[in-house]
Amino acid sequence: LARAHLIQDLKSDLGVNDEGIHIVLHLVDQ
């Protein structure tokens, strides 16, 4: 749920595209 909210925030509030989301999530996981 927290991850879904992060994705929503990245997409809607920050305008991050799908490739950027993939990178951010990869870095968060690391």
PDB file of all heavy atoms in Angstrom:
ATOM      1  N   LEU A   1       0.832  -1.200   0.000  1.00  0.00           N
ATOM      2  CA  LEU A   1       0.000   0.000   0.000  1.00  0.00           C
ATOM      3  C   LEU A   1       0.873   1.258   0.000  1.00  0.00           C
ATOM      4  O   LEU A   1       0.616   2.202  -0.762  1.00  0.00           O
ATOM      5  CB  LEU A   1      -0.943  -0.010   1.206  1.00  0.00           C
ATOM      6  CG  LEU A   1      -1.936   1.122   1.292  1.00  0.00           C
ATOM      7  CD1 LEU A   1      -2.853   1.163   0.071  1.00  0.00           C
ATOM      8  CD2 LEU A   1      -2.764   0.985   2.570  1.00  0.00           C
ATOM      9  N   ALA A   2       1.909   1.270   0.822  1.00  0.00           N
ATOM     10  CA  ALA A   2       2.827   2.419   0.851  1.00  0.00           C
ATOM     11  C   ALA A   2       3.502   2.601  -0.498  1.00  0.00           C
ATOM     12  O   ALA A   2       3.665   3.727  -0.982  1.00  0.00           O
ATOM     13  CB  ALA A   2       3.860   2.228   1.960  1.00  0.00           C
ATOM     14  N   ARG A   3       3.879   1.488  -1.112  1.00  0.00           N
ATOM     15  CA  ARG A   3       4.520   1.542  -2.427  1.00  0.00           C
ATOM     16  C   ARG A   3       3.552   2.083  -3.476  1.00  0.00           C
ATOM     17  O   ARG A   3       3.934   2.887  -4.330  1.00  0.00           O
ATOM     18  CB  ARG A   3       5.013   0.139  -2.786  1.00  0.00           C
ATOM     19  CG  ARG A   3       5.985   0.070  -3.909  1.00  0.00           C
ATOM     20  CD  ARG A   3       6.582  -1.330  -3.953  1.00  0.00           C
ATOM     21  NE  ARG A   3       7.405  -1.537  -5.099  1.00  0.00           N
ATOM     22  CZ  ARG A   3       8.722  -1.543  -5.083  1.00  0.00           C
ATOM     23  NH1 ARG A   3       9.374  -1.345  -3.956  1.00  0.00           N
ATOM     24  NH2 ARG A   3       9.409  -1.749  -6.193  1.00  0.00           N
ATOM     25  N   ALA A   4       2.296   1.663  -3.408  1.00  0.00           N
ATOM     26  CA  ALA A   4       1.288   2.172  -4.339  1.00  0.00           C
ATOM     27  C   ALA A   4       1.107   3.677  -4.163  1.00  0.00           C
ATOM     28  O   ALA A   4       1.003   4.416  -5.148  1.00  0.00           O
ATOM     29  CB  ALA A   4      -0.041   1.445  -4.133  1.00  0.00           C
ATOM     30  N   HIS A   5       1.098   4.136  -2.924  1.00  0.00           N
ATOM     31  CA  HIS A   5       0.962   5.579  -2.675  1.00  0.00           C
ATOM     32  C   HIS A   5       2.181   6.335  -3.201  1.00  0.00           C
ATOM     33  O   HIS A   5       2.043   7.431  -3.750  1.00  0.00           O
ATOM     34  CB  HIS A   5       0.750   5.858  -1.194  1.00  0.00           C
ATOM     35  CG  HIS A   5      -0.609   5.482  -0.710  1.00  0.00           C
ATOM     36  ND1 HIS A   5      -0.862   5.086   0.577  1.00  0.00           N
ATOM     37  CD2 HIS A   5      -1.798   5.415  -1.350  1.00  0.00           C
ATOM     38  CE1 HIS A   5      -2.143   4.793   0.714  1.00  0.00           C
ATOM     39  NE2 HIS A   5      -2.727   4.995  -0.452  1.00  0.00           N
ATOM     40  N   LEU A   6       3.376   5.743  -3.041  1.00  0.00           N
ATOM     41  CA  LEU A   6       4.581   6.366  -3.589  1.00  0.00           C
ATOM     42  C   LEU A   6       4.475   6.486  -5.105  1.00  0.00           C
ATOM     43  O   LEU A   6       4.767   7.544  -5.674  1.00  0.00           O
ATOM     44  CB  LEU A   6       5.822   5.552  -3.206  1.00  0.00           C
ATOM     45  CG  LEU A   6       7.137   5.980  -3.864  1.00  0.00           C
ATOM     46  CD1 LEU A   6       7.496   7.418  -3.487  1.00  0.00           C
ATOM     47  CD2 LEU A   6       8.250   5.011  -3.504  1.00  0.00           C
ATOM     48  N   ILE A   7       4.050   5.418  -5.755  1.00  0.00           N
ATOM     49  CA  ILE A   7       3.906   5.445  -7.221  1.00  0.00           C
ATOM     50  C   ILE A   7       2.892   6.514  -7.633  1.00  0.00           C
ATOM     51  O   ILE A   7       3.129   7.286  -8.567  1.00  0.00           O
ATOM     52  CB  ILE A   7       3.493   4.064  -7.758  1.00  0.00           C
ATOM     53  CG1 ILE A   7       4.593   3.035  -7.493  1.00  0.00           C
ATOM     54  CG2 ILE A   7       3.177   4.135  -9.250  1.00  0.00           C
ATOM     55  CD1 ILE A   7       4.161   1.591  -7.683  1.00  0.00           C
ATOM     56  N   GLN A   8       1.769   6.567  -6.917  1.00  0.00           N
ATOM     57  CA  GLN A   8       0.750   7.577  -7.226  1.00  0.00           C
ATOM     58  C   GLN A   8       1.324   8.987  -7.083  1.00  0.00           C
ATOM     59  O   GLN A   8       1.088   9.852  -7.932  1.00  0.00           O
ATOM     60  CB  GLN A   8      -0.465   7.397  -6.314  1.00  0.00           C
ATOM     61  CG  GLN A   8      -1.293   6.182  -6.637  1.00  0.00           C
ATOM     62  CD  GLN A   8      -2.352   5.907  -5.585  1.00  0.00           C
ATOM     63  OE1 GLN A   8      -2.120   6.032  -4.389  1.00  0.00           O
ATOM     64  NE2 GLN A   8      -3.539   5.522  -6.043  1.00  0.00           N
ATOM     65  N   ASP A   9       2.060   9.216  -6.009  1.00  0.00           N
ATOM     66  CA  ASP A   9       2.661  10.539  -5.787  1.00  0.00           C
ATOM     67  C   ASP A   9       3.681  10.876  -6.876  1.00  0.00           C
ATOM     68  O   ASP A   9       3.718  12.008  -7.375  1.00  0.00           O
ATOM     69  CB  ASP A   9       3.341  10.612  -4.420  1.00  0.00           C
ATOM     70  CG  ASP A   9       2.367  10.622  -3.262  1.00  0.00           C
ATOM     71  OD1 ASP A   9       1.149  10.845  -3.491  1.00  0.00           O
ATOM     72  OD2 ASP A   9       2.811  10.390  -2.118  1.00  0.00           O
ATOM     73  N   LEU A  10       4.505   9.907  -7.222  1.00  0.00           N
ATOM     74  CA  LEU A  10       5.505  10.147  -8.269  1.00  0.00           C
ATOM     75  C   LEU A  10       4.843  10.501  -9.590  1.00  0.00           C
ATOM     76  O   LEU A  10       5.281  11.419 -10.287  1.00  0.00           O
ATOM     77  CB  LEU A  10       6.400   8.915  -8.446  1.00  0.00           C
ATOM     78  CG  LEU A  10       7.371   8.612  -7.313  1.00  0.00           C
ATOM     79  CD1 LEU A  10       8.006   7.238  -7.507  1.00  0.00           C
ATOM     80  CD2 LEU A  10       8.435   9.692  -7.214  1.00  0.00           C
ATOM     81  N   LYS A  11       3.781   9.773  -9.924  1.00  0.00           N
ATOM     82  CA  LYS A  11       3.096  10.005 -11.206  1.00  0.00           C
ATOM     83  C   LYS A  11       2.297  11.308 -11.195  1.00  0.00           C
ATOM     84  O   LYS A  11       2.440  12.136 -12.086  1.00  0.00           O
ATOM     85  CB  LYS A  11       2.170   8.833 -11.536  1.00  0.00           C
ATOM     86  CG  LYS A  11       2.906   7.592 -12.015  1.00  0.00           C
ATOM     87  CD  LYS A  11       1.948   6.476 -12.336  1.00  0.00           C
ATOM     88  CE  LYS A  11       1.823   6.084 -13.743  1.00  0.00           C
ATOM     89  NZ  LYS A  11       2.717   6.448 -14.755  1.00  0.00           N
ATOM     90  N   SER A  12       1.467  11.483 -10.189  1.00  0.00           N
ATOM     91  CA  SER A  12       0.540  12.622 -10.232  1.00  0.00           C
ATOM     92  C   SER A  12       1.156  13.923  -9.734  1.00  0.00           C
ATOM     93  O   SER A  12       0.990  14.959 -10.365  1.00  0.00           O
ATOM     94  CB  SER A  12      -0.731  12.308  -9.443  1.00  0.00           C
ATOM     95  OG  SER A  12      -0.432  12.086  -8.084  1.00  0.00           O
ATOM     96  N   ASP A  13       1.882  13.878  -8.620  1.00  0.00           N
ATOM     97  CA  ASP A  13       2.420  15.111  -8.046  1.00  0.00           C
ATOM     98  C   ASP A  13       3.720  15.564  -8.714  1.00  0.00           C
ATOM     99  O   ASP A  13       3.978  16.756  -8.836  1.00  0.00           O
ATOM    100  CB  ASP A  13       2.666  14.949  -6.546  1.00  0.00           C
ATOM    101  CG  ASP A  13       1.381  14.740  -5.760  1.00  0.00           C
ATOM    102  OD1 ASP A  13       0.293  14.990  -6.312  1.00  0.00           O
ATOM    103  OD2 ASP A  13       1.472  14.311  -4.590  1.00  0.00           O
ATOM    104  N   LEU A  14       4.542  14.597  -9.108  1.00  0.00           N
ATOM    105  CA  LEU A  14       5.859  14.941  -9.647  1.00  0.00           C
ATOM    106  C   LEU A  14       5.985  14.730 -11.146  1.00  0.00           C
ATOM    107  O   LEU A  14       6.991  15.092 -11.747  1.00  0.00           O
ATOM    108  CB  LEU A  14       6.942  14.144  -8.913  1.00  0.00           C
ATOM    109  CG  LEU A  14       7.017  14.394  -7.403  1.00  0.00           C
ATOM    110  CD1 LEU A  14       8.009  13.447  -6.748  1.00  0.00           C
ATOM    111  CD2 LEU A  14       7.382  15.840  -7.121  1.00  0.00           C
ATOM    112  N   GLY A  15       4.994  14.104 -11.761  1.00  0.00           N
ATOM    113  CA  GLY A  15       5.005  13.913 -13.209  1.00  0.00           C
ATOM    114  C   GLY A  15       6.067  12.951 -13.706  1.00  0.00           C
ATOM    115  O   GLY A  15       6.527  13.058 -14.847  1.00  0.00           O
ATOM    116  N   VAL A  16       6.458  11.994 -12.876  1.00  0.00           N
ATOM    117  CA  VAL A  16       7.486  11.026 -13.266  1.00  0.00           C
ATOM    118  C   VAL A  16       6.872  10.023 -14.252  1.00  0.00           C
ATOM    119  O   VAL A  16       5.781   9.513 -14.032  1.00  0.00           O
ATOM    120  CB  VAL A  16       8.044  10.296 -12.020  1.00  0.00           C
ATOM    121  CG1 VAL A  16       9.071   9.251 -12.404  1.00  0.00           C
ATOM    122  CG2 VAL A  16       8.646  11.306 -11.037  1.00  0.00           C
ATOM    123  N   ASN A  17       7.603   9.744 -15.339  1.00  0.00           N
ATOM    124  CA  ASN A  17       7.104   8.789 -16.330  1.00  0.00           C
ATOM    125  C   ASN A  17       7.400   7.359 -15.886  1.00  0.00           C
ATOM    126  O   ASN A  17       8.056   7.132 -14.865  1.00  0.00           O
ATOM    127  CB  ASN A  17       7.687   9.074 -17.718  1.00  0.00           C
ATOM    128  CG  ASN A  17       9.184   8.904 -17.784  1.00  0.00           C
ATOM    129  OD1 ASN A  17       9.805   8.274 -16.948  1.00  0.00           O
ATOM    130  ND2 ASN A  17       9.793   9.484 -18.813  1.00  0.00           N
ATOM    131  N   ASP A  18       6.928   6.384 -16.657  1.00  0.00           N
ATOM    132  CA  ASP A  18       7.059   4.976 -16.268  1.00  0.00           C
ATOM    133  C   ASP A  18       8.514   4.547 -16.091  1.00  0.00           C
ATOM    134  O   ASP A  18       8.838   3.814 -15.150  1.00  0.00           O
ATOM    135  CB  ASP A  18       6.364   4.068 -17.282  1.00  0.00           C
ATOM    136  CG  ASP A  18       4.855   4.133 -17.179  1.00  0.00           C
ATOM    137  OD1 ASP A  18       4.335   4.824 -16.272  1.00  0.00           O
ATOM    138  OD2 ASP A  18       4.184   3.481 -18.003  1.00  0.00           O
ATOM    139  N   GLU A  19       9.395   4.964 -16.984  1.00  0.00           N
ATOM    140  CA  GLU A  19      10.804   4.596 -16.854  1.00  0.00           C
ATOM    141  C   GLU A  19      11.399   5.195 -15.582  1.00  0.00           C
ATOM    142  O   GLU A  19      12.173   4.546 -14.879  1.00  0.00           O
ATOM    143  CB  GLU A  19      11.607   5.060 -18.079  1.00  0.00           C
ATOM    144  CG  GLU A  19      13.058   4.655 -18.048  1.00  0.00           C
ATOM    145  CD  GLU A  19      13.297   3.150 -17.971  1.00  0.00           C
ATOM    146  OE1 GLU A  19      12.474   2.369 -18.496  1.00  0.00           O
ATOM    147  OE2 GLU A  19      14.317   2.746 -17.372  1.00  0.00           O
ATOM    148  N   GLY A  20      11.019   6.434 -15.285  1.00  0.00           N
ATOM    149  CA  GLY A  20      11.485   7.073 -14.053  1.00  0.00           C
ATOM    150  C   GLY A  20      10.971   6.356 -12.820  1.00  0.00           C
ATOM    151  O   GLY A  20      11.701   6.205 -11.833  1.00  0.00           O
ATOM    152  N   ILE A  21       9.725   5.911 -12.861  1.00  0.00           N
ATOM    153  CA  ILE A  21       9.147   5.163 -11.723  1.00  0.00           C
ATOM    154  C   ILE A  21       9.953   3.883 -11.515  1.00  0.00           C
ATOM    155  O   ILE A  21      10.285   3.536 -10.383  1.00  0.00           O
ATOM    156  CB  ILE A  21       7.669   4.824 -11.993  1.00  0.00           C
ATOM    157  CG1 ILE A  21       6.896   6.102 -12.158  1.00  0.00           C
ATOM    158  CG2 ILE A  21       7.123   3.903 -10.927  1.00  0.00           C
ATOM    159  CD1 ILE A  21       5.853   6.444 -11.168  1.00  0.00           C
ATOM    160  N   HIS A  22      10.256   3.192 -12.610  1.00  0.00           N
ATOM    161  CA  HIS A  22      11.037   1.961 -12.512  1.00  0.00           C
ATOM    162  C   HIS A  22      12.380   2.237 -11.831  1.00  0.00           C
ATOM    163  O   HIS A  22      12.805   1.483 -10.942  1.00  0.00           O
ATOM    164  CB  HIS A  22      11.245   1.359 -13.905  1.00  0.00           C
ATOM    165  CG  HIS A  22      12.082   0.129 -13.908  1.00  0.00           C
ATOM    166  ND1 HIS A  22      11.601  -1.094 -13.502  1.00  0.00           N
ATOM    167  CD2 HIS A  22      13.383  -0.058 -14.230  1.00  0.00           C
ATOM    168  CE1 HIS A  22      12.567  -1.985 -13.586  1.00  0.00           C
ATOM    169  NE2 HIS A  22      13.663  -1.378 -14.034  1.00  0.00           N
ATOM    170  N   ILE A  23      13.026   3.301 -12.215  1.00  0.00           N
ATOM    171  CA  ILE A  23      14.335   3.649 -11.641  1.00  0.00           C
ATOM    172  C   ILE A  23      14.198   4.000 -10.164  1.00  0.00           C
ATOM    173  O   ILE A  23      14.970   3.518  -9.325  1.00  0.00           O
ATOM    174  CB  ILE A  23      14.986   4.804 -12.431  1.00  0.00           C
ATOM    175  CG1 ILE A  23      15.383   4.309 -13.824  1.00  0.00           C
ATOM    176  CG2 ILE A  23      16.197   5.375 -11.692  1.00  0.00           C
ATOM    177  CD1 ILE A  23      15.754   5.417 -14.794  1.00  0.00           C
ATOM    178  N   VAL A  24      13.226   4.826  -9.825  1.00  0.00           N
ATOM    179  CA  VAL A  24      13.031   5.225  -8.424  1.00  0.00           C
ATOM    180  C   VAL A  24      12.752   3.999  -7.557  1.00  0.00           C
ATOM    181  O   VAL A  24      13.344   3.840  -6.477  1.00  0.00           O
ATOM    182  CB  VAL A  24      11.891   6.261  -8.297  1.00  0.00           C
ATOM    183  CG1 VAL A  24      11.511   6.471  -6.841  1.00  0.00           C
ATOM    184  CG2 VAL A  24      12.285   7.580  -8.947  1.00  0.00           C
ATOM    185  N   LEU A  25      11.865   3.122  -8.006  1.00  0.00           N
ATOM    186  CA  LEU A  25      11.537   1.926  -7.220  1.00  0.00           C
ATOM    187  C   LEU A  25      12.749   1.013  -7.072  1.00  0.00           C
ATOM    188  O   LEU A  25      12.970   0.439  -5.993  1.00  0.00           O
ATOM    189  CB  LEU A  25      10.366   1.177  -7.846  1.00  0.00           C
ATOM    190  CG  LEU A  25       9.021   1.908  -7.812  1.00  0.00           C
ATOM    191  CD1 LEU A  25       7.964   1.098  -8.533  1.00  0.00           C
ATOM    192  CD2 LEU A  25       8.595   2.212  -6.383  1.00  0.00           C
ATOM    193  N   HIS A  26      13.541   0.896  -8.117  1.00  0.00           N
ATOM    194  CA  HIS A  26      14.762   0.085  -8.041  1.00  0.00           C
ATOM    195  C   HIS A  26      15.710   0.666  -6.994  1.00  0.00           C
ATOM    196  O   HIS A  26      16.284  -0.080  -6.182  1.00  0.00           O
ATOM    197  CB  HIS A  26      15.428   0.020  -9.421  1.00  0.00           C
ATOM    198  CG  HIS A  26      16.695  -0.760  -9.434  1.00  0.00           C
ATOM    199  ND1 HIS A  26      16.712  -2.130  -9.316  1.00  0.00           N
ATOM    200  CD2 HIS A  26      17.981  -0.360  -9.545  1.00  0.00           C
ATOM    201  CE1 HIS A  26      17.974  -2.545  -9.350  1.00  0.00           C
ATOM    202  NE2 HIS A  26      18.754  -1.489  -9.490  1.00  0.00           N
ATOM    203  N   LEU A  27      15.877   1.983  -6.993  1.00  0.00           N
ATOM    204  CA  LEU A  27      16.756   2.627  -6.013  1.00  0.00           C
ATOM    205  C   LEU A  27      16.212   2.487  -4.593  1.00  0.00           C
ATOM    206  O   LEU A  27      16.986   2.243  -3.657  1.00  0.00           O
ATOM    207  CB  LEU A  27      16.951   4.101  -6.379  1.00  0.00           C
ATOM    208  CG  LEU A  27      17.761   4.357  -7.643  1.00  0.00           C
ATOM    209  CD1 LEU A  27      17.707   5.836  -8.011  1.00  0.00           C
ATOM    210  CD2 LEU A  27      19.188   3.873  -7.488  1.00  0.00           C
ATOM    211  N   VAL A  28      14.912   2.618  -4.427  1.00  0.00           N
ATOM    212  CA  VAL A  28      14.296   2.442  -3.106  1.00  0.00           C
ATOM    213  C   VAL A  28      14.529   1.007  -2.617  1.00  0.00           C
ATOM    214  O   VAL A  28      14.879   0.786  -1.452  1.00  0.00           O
ATOM    215  CB  VAL A  28      12.789   2.779  -3.146  1.00  0.00           C
ATOM    216  CG1 VAL A  28      12.072   2.296  -1.896  1.00  0.00           C
ATOM    217  CG2 VAL A  28      12.585   4.273  -3.329  1.00  0.00           C
ATOM    218  N   ASP A  29      14.362   0.030  -3.506  1.00  0.00           N
ATOM    219  CA  ASP A  29      14.592  -1.365  -3.131  1.00  0.00           C
ATOM    220  C   ASP A  29      16.050  -1.590  -2.728  1.00  0.00           C
ATOM    221  O   ASP A  29      16.329  -2.305  -1.754  1.00  0.00           O
ATOM    222  CB  ASP A  29      14.210  -2.301  -4.278  1.00  0.00           C
ATOM    223  CG  ASP A  29      12.711  -2.337  -4.533  1.00  0.00           C
ATOM    224  OD1 ASP A  29      11.940  -1.917  -3.652  1.00  0.00           O
ATOM    225  OD2 ASP A  29      12.320  -2.786  -5.637  1.00  0.00           O
ATOM    226  N   GLN A  30      16.980  -0.996  -3.465  1.00  0.00           N
ATOM    227  CA  GLN A  30      18.392  -1.120  -3.120  1.00  0.00           C
ATOM    228  C   GLN A  30      18.680  -0.492  -1.762  1.00  0.00           C
ATOM    229  O   GLN A  30      19.416  -1.052  -0.956  1.00  0.00           O
ATOM    230  CB  GLN A  30      19.267  -0.467  -4.183  1.00  0.00           C
ATOM    231  CG  GLN A  30      19.400  -1.263  -5.450  1.00  0.00           C
ATOM    232  CD  GLN A  30      20.359  -0.609  -6.429  1.00  0.00           C
ATOM    233  OE1 GLN A  30      20.491   0.617  -6.471  1.00  0.00           O
ATOM    234  NE2 GLN A  30      21.035  -1.424  -7.214  1.00  0.00           N
TER     235      GLN A  30
END
